[in-house]
């Protein structure tokens, strides 16, 4: 069983939180504009995925919130895992912006 304060839990939260944020973004786009999931992916992929780094950056804001909550609870090892995955996402975003 996972302890409440460990690196693996932080990494799992770090990977899943942006995915959840993207799903919430899709729900917002569906309510506001009526986009289906495939239409939203088509919109992101227009012009060789120029919007992908921007959408990923918006989804990383949720990681910042989760990181803040875990540091406030003094779960520092879990917060390290969240921070590690956030930095991996940031490197991917930078590479996407450089090599688009």
N, C-alpha and C. Protein backbone atom coordinates (compact mmCIF):
# COMPACT_ATOMS: atom_id res chain seq x y z
N UNK A 1 0.84 -1.19 0.00
CA UNK A 1 0.00 0.00 0.00
C UNK A 1 0.88 1.24 0.00
N UNK A 2 0.45 2.26 -0.70
CA UNK A 2 1.22 3.50 -0.79
C UNK A 2 1.11 4.31 0.50
N UNK A 3 2.26 4.79 0.95
CA UNK A 3 2.22 5.72 2.08
C UNK A 3 1.65 7.04 1.58
N UNK A 4 1.27 7.89 2.51
CA UNK A 4 0.69 9.18 2.11
C UNK A 4 1.74 10.15 1.59
N UNK A 5 3.00 9.93 1.92
CA UNK A 5 4.05 10.85 1.51
C UNK A 5 5.18 10.06 0.85
N UNK A 6 5.06 9.82 -0.46
CA UNK A 6 6.14 9.15 -1.17
C UNK A 6 6.27 9.68 -2.59
N UNK A 7 7.40 9.41 -3.19
CA UNK A 7 7.74 9.94 -4.50
C UNK A 7 6.85 9.36 -5.60
N UNK A 8 6.52 8.08 -5.50
CA UNK A 8 5.69 7.44 -6.53
C UNK A 8 4.31 8.09 -6.60
N UNK A 9 3.71 8.33 -5.47
CA UNK A 9 2.41 9.00 -5.44
C UNK A 9 2.50 10.38 -6.08
N UNK A 10 3.57 11.10 -5.79
CA UNK A 10 3.75 12.42 -6.38
C UNK A 10 3.90 12.36 -7.89
N UNK A 11 4.62 11.35 -8.38
CA UNK A 11 4.79 11.22 -9.83
C UNK A 11 3.48 10.84 -10.50
N UNK A 12 2.72 9.97 -9.87
CA UNK A 12 1.41 9.60 -10.43
C UNK A 12 0.49 10.82 -10.46
N UNK A 13 0.45 11.57 -9.37
CA UNK A 13 -0.36 12.79 -9.34
C UNK A 13 0.12 13.79 -10.38
N UNK A 14 1.44 13.90 -10.54
CA UNK A 14 2.01 14.83 -11.51
C UNK A 14 1.64 14.48 -12.94
N UNK A 15 1.54 13.19 -13.25
CA UNK A 15 1.14 12.79 -14.60
C UNK A 15 -0.36 12.90 -14.82
N UNK A 16 -1.16 12.56 -13.81
CA UNK A 16 -2.61 12.51 -13.99
C UNK A 16 -3.30 13.87 -13.88
N UNK A 17 -2.75 14.78 -13.11
CA UNK A 17 -3.39 16.08 -12.92
C UNK A 17 -3.52 16.87 -14.22
N UNK A 18 -2.48 16.96 -15.07
CA UNK A 18 -2.66 17.66 -16.35
C UNK A 18 -3.65 16.96 -17.28
N UNK A 19 -3.72 15.63 -17.20
CA UNK A 19 -4.70 14.90 -18.01
C UNK A 19 -6.11 15.26 -17.56
N UNK A 20 -6.32 15.31 -16.26
CA UNK A 20 -7.62 15.72 -15.72
C UNK A 20 -7.93 17.16 -16.11
N UNK A 21 -6.92 18.02 -16.08
CA UNK A 21 -7.12 19.42 -16.48
C UNK A 21 -7.50 19.51 -17.96
N UNK A 22 -6.91 18.65 -18.80
CA UNK A 22 -7.27 18.65 -20.22
C UNK A 22 -8.72 18.19 -20.41
N UNK A 23 -9.14 17.20 -19.65
CA UNK A 23 -10.53 16.74 -19.73
C UNK A 23 -11.47 17.86 -19.31
N UNK A 24 -11.12 18.60 -18.27
CA UNK A 24 -11.94 19.75 -17.86
C UNK A 24 -11.95 20.83 -18.94
N UNK A 25 -10.81 21.03 -19.60
CA UNK A 25 -10.72 21.98 -20.71
C UNK A 25 -11.63 21.54 -21.85
N UNK A 26 -11.66 20.23 -22.13
CA UNK A 26 -12.53 19.72 -23.19
C UNK A 26 -14.00 19.90 -22.81
N UNK A 27 -14.35 19.65 -21.55
CA UNK A 27 -15.73 19.85 -21.11
C UNK A 27 -16.13 21.31 -21.27
N UNK A 28 -15.21 22.21 -20.91
CA UNK A 28 -15.47 23.64 -21.09
C UNK A 28 -15.67 23.97 -22.57
N UNK A 29 -14.81 23.44 -23.44
CA UNK A 29 -14.93 23.69 -24.88
C UNK A 29 -16.21 23.09 -25.43
N UNK A 30 -16.63 21.96 -24.89
CA UNK A 30 -17.86 21.32 -25.35
C UNK A 30 -19.08 22.15 -24.96
N UNK A 31 -19.07 22.68 -23.75
CA UNK A 31 -20.20 23.49 -23.29
C UNK A 31 -20.24 24.82 -24.04
N UNK A 32 -19.09 25.48 -24.19
CA UNK A 32 -19.05 26.81 -24.80
C UNK A 32 -19.23 26.76 -26.32
N UNK A 33 -18.51 25.86 -26.99
CA UNK A 33 -18.50 25.85 -28.45
C UNK A 33 -19.14 24.62 -29.07
N UNK A 34 -19.42 23.61 -28.28
CA UNK A 34 -20.02 22.39 -28.80
C UNK A 34 -19.03 21.47 -29.50
N UNK A 35 -17.72 21.58 -29.17
CA UNK A 35 -16.70 20.73 -29.79
C UNK A 35 -16.77 19.31 -29.24
N UNK A 36 -16.65 18.34 -30.13
CA UNK A 36 -16.44 16.97 -29.67
C UNK A 36 -14.96 16.80 -29.36
N UNK A 37 -14.62 15.66 -28.78
CA UNK A 37 -13.22 15.43 -28.41
C UNK A 37 -12.34 15.40 -29.65
N UNK A 38 -12.80 14.75 -30.72
CA UNK A 38 -11.99 14.69 -31.95
C UNK A 38 -11.88 16.06 -32.61
N UNK A 39 -12.92 16.88 -32.53
CA UNK A 39 -12.83 18.23 -33.07
C UNK A 39 -11.82 19.07 -32.30
N UNK A 40 -11.78 18.90 -30.99
CA UNK A 40 -10.81 19.64 -30.18
C UNK A 40 -9.39 19.20 -30.52
N UNK A 41 -9.17 17.90 -30.70
CA UNK A 41 -7.84 17.42 -31.08
C UNK A 41 -7.46 17.92 -32.47
N UNK A 42 -8.43 17.98 -33.39
CA UNK A 42 -8.15 18.54 -34.72
C UNK A 42 -7.78 20.01 -34.63
N UNK A 43 -8.46 20.74 -33.78
CA UNK A 43 -8.16 22.16 -33.59
C UNK A 43 -6.75 22.35 -33.04
N UNK A 44 -6.36 21.51 -32.10
CA UNK A 44 -5.02 21.59 -31.53
C UNK A 44 -3.96 21.21 -32.56
N UNK A 45 -4.27 20.25 -33.42
CA UNK A 45 -3.28 19.76 -34.38
C UNK A 45 -3.15 20.61 -35.64
N UNK A 46 -3.99 21.62 -35.81
CA UNK A 46 -3.87 22.51 -36.96
C UNK A 46 -2.52 23.22 -36.90
N UNK A 47 -1.91 23.42 -38.05
CA UNK A 47 -0.60 24.09 -38.17
C UNK A 47 0.49 23.36 -37.40
N UNK A 48 0.55 22.06 -37.57
CA UNK A 48 1.63 21.25 -37.00
C UNK A 48 1.71 21.37 -35.48
N UNK A 49 0.60 21.27 -34.83
CA UNK A 49 0.52 21.24 -33.37
C UNK A 49 1.06 22.52 -32.72
N UNK A 50 0.78 23.67 -33.32
CA UNK A 50 1.25 24.94 -32.75
C UNK A 50 0.54 25.24 -31.43
N UNK A 51 -0.68 24.75 -31.26
CA UNK A 51 -1.41 25.01 -30.01
C UNK A 51 -1.07 24.02 -28.90
N UNK A 52 -0.43 22.92 -29.23
CA UNK A 52 -0.17 21.89 -28.23
C UNK A 52 0.65 22.39 -27.04
N UNK A 53 1.76 23.11 -27.25
CA UNK A 53 2.50 23.61 -26.07
C UNK A 53 1.68 24.57 -25.22
N UNK A 54 0.82 25.34 -25.85
CA UNK A 54 -0.01 26.29 -25.10
C UNK A 54 -1.03 25.55 -24.24
N UNK A 55 -1.66 24.54 -24.82
CA UNK A 55 -2.65 23.77 -24.08
C UNK A 55 -1.97 23.00 -22.95
N UNK A 56 -0.80 22.44 -23.23
CA UNK A 56 -0.07 21.72 -22.18
C UNK A 56 0.32 22.66 -21.05
N UNK A 57 0.72 23.88 -21.39
CA UNK A 57 1.08 24.85 -20.35
C UNK A 57 -0.12 25.20 -19.48
N UNK A 58 -1.27 25.36 -20.10
CA UNK A 58 -2.48 25.63 -19.32
C UNK A 58 -2.82 24.46 -18.39
N UNK A 59 -2.63 23.26 -18.88
CA UNK A 59 -2.93 22.09 -18.06
C UNK A 59 -1.94 21.95 -16.90
N UNK A 60 -0.74 22.48 -17.04
CA UNK A 60 0.25 22.39 -15.96
C UNK A 60 -0.08 23.31 -14.80
N UNK A 61 -0.95 24.27 -15.01
CA UNK A 61 -1.37 25.12 -13.89
C UNK A 61 -2.00 24.27 -12.79
N UNK A 62 -2.71 23.23 -13.19
CA UNK A 62 -3.31 22.32 -12.20
C UNK A 62 -2.23 21.63 -11.38
N UNK A 63 -1.10 21.29 -12.00
CA UNK A 63 0.01 20.70 -11.24
C UNK A 63 0.53 21.68 -10.20
N UNK A 64 0.57 22.94 -10.54
CA UNK A 64 1.00 23.95 -9.58
C UNK A 64 0.09 24.00 -8.37
N UNK A 65 -1.20 23.88 -8.61
CA UNK A 65 -2.17 23.87 -7.52
C UNK A 65 -1.98 22.64 -6.62
N UNK A 66 -1.83 21.47 -7.23
CA UNK A 66 -1.63 20.25 -6.44
C UNK A 66 -0.30 20.32 -5.67
N UNK A 67 0.75 20.85 -6.32
CA UNK A 67 2.04 21.03 -5.65
C UNK A 67 1.89 21.94 -4.43
N UNK A 68 1.17 23.03 -4.60
CA UNK A 68 0.94 23.96 -3.49
C UNK A 68 0.21 23.27 -2.34
N UNK A 69 -0.82 22.50 -2.65
CA UNK A 69 -1.59 21.83 -1.60
C UNK A 69 -0.73 20.82 -0.83
N UNK A 70 0.11 20.09 -1.55
CA UNK A 70 0.95 19.10 -0.86
C UNK A 70 2.08 19.75 -0.06
N UNK A 71 2.59 20.88 -0.50
CA UNK A 71 3.60 21.56 0.32
C UNK A 71 2.97 22.18 1.56
N UNK A 72 1.72 22.64 1.45
CA UNK A 72 1.03 23.18 2.63
C UNK A 72 0.75 22.09 3.66
N UNK A 73 0.50 20.85 3.19
CA UNK A 73 0.26 19.74 4.10
C UNK A 73 1.56 19.14 4.63
N UNK A 74 2.69 19.69 4.23
CA UNK A 74 4.02 19.22 4.63
C UNK A 74 4.30 17.81 4.12
N UNK A 75 3.77 17.47 2.97
CA UNK A 75 4.05 16.20 2.30
C UNK A 75 5.12 16.48 1.25
N UNK A 76 6.33 16.72 1.73
CA UNK A 76 7.39 17.23 0.87
C UNK A 76 7.89 16.21 -0.14
N UNK A 77 7.91 14.94 0.20
CA UNK A 77 8.40 13.94 -0.74
C UNK A 77 7.42 13.79 -1.90
N UNK A 78 6.13 13.79 -1.61
CA UNK A 78 5.13 13.75 -2.67
C UNK A 78 5.21 15.00 -3.53
N UNK A 79 5.43 16.14 -2.91
CA UNK A 79 5.58 17.39 -3.66
C UNK A 79 6.80 17.34 -4.58
N UNK A 80 7.87 16.66 -4.15
CA UNK A 80 9.04 16.49 -5.01
C UNK A 80 8.69 15.69 -6.26
N UNK A 81 7.88 14.66 -6.11
CA UNK A 81 7.45 13.87 -7.27
C UNK A 81 6.63 14.70 -8.24
N UNK A 82 5.73 15.52 -7.70
CA UNK A 82 4.92 16.40 -8.55
C UNK A 82 5.81 17.39 -9.27
N UNK A 83 6.77 17.95 -8.56
CA UNK A 83 7.70 18.92 -9.16
C UNK A 83 8.55 18.26 -10.25
N UNK A 84 9.01 17.04 -10.01
CA UNK A 84 9.81 16.33 -10.99
C UNK A 84 9.05 16.14 -12.30
N UNK A 85 7.82 15.67 -12.20
CA UNK A 85 7.02 15.45 -13.40
C UNK A 85 6.68 16.78 -14.08
N UNK A 86 6.44 17.82 -13.30
CA UNK A 86 6.18 19.14 -13.88
C UNK A 86 7.37 19.62 -14.68
N UNK A 87 8.58 19.38 -14.18
CA UNK A 87 9.78 19.77 -14.93
C UNK A 87 9.93 18.94 -16.21
N UNK A 88 9.54 17.66 -16.16
CA UNK A 88 9.57 16.85 -17.38
C UNK A 88 8.59 17.39 -18.42
N UNK A 89 7.39 17.75 -17.97
CA UNK A 89 6.43 18.38 -18.88
C UNK A 89 6.99 19.69 -19.44
N UNK A 90 7.65 20.47 -18.60
CA UNK A 90 8.21 21.75 -19.05
C UNK A 90 9.28 21.54 -20.11
N UNK A 91 10.11 20.52 -19.94
CA UNK A 91 11.13 20.22 -20.96
C UNK A 91 10.48 19.82 -22.27
N UNK A 92 9.43 19.00 -22.19
CA UNK A 92 8.71 18.60 -23.41
C UNK A 92 8.10 19.81 -24.09
N UNK A 93 7.52 20.71 -23.32
CA UNK A 93 6.93 21.92 -23.89
C UNK A 93 7.99 22.77 -24.57
N UNK A 94 9.14 22.94 -23.93
CA UNK A 94 10.23 23.71 -24.55
C UNK A 94 10.70 23.07 -25.84
N UNK A 95 10.84 21.74 -25.85
CA UNK A 95 11.26 21.06 -27.07
C UNK A 95 10.23 21.21 -28.18
N UNK A 96 8.95 21.15 -27.82
CA UNK A 96 7.90 21.34 -28.82
C UNK A 96 7.94 22.75 -29.40
N UNK A 97 8.21 23.73 -28.55
CA UNK A 97 8.28 25.11 -29.04
C UNK A 97 9.51 25.34 -29.91
N UNK A 98 10.62 24.70 -29.57
CA UNK A 98 11.85 24.90 -30.34
C UNK A 98 11.77 24.18 -31.68
N UNK A 99 11.30 22.94 -31.69
CA UNK A 99 11.33 22.11 -32.89
C UNK A 99 9.99 21.98 -33.58
N UNK A 100 9.18 22.99 -33.57
CA UNK A 100 7.90 22.88 -34.26
C UNK A 100 8.08 23.10 -35.68
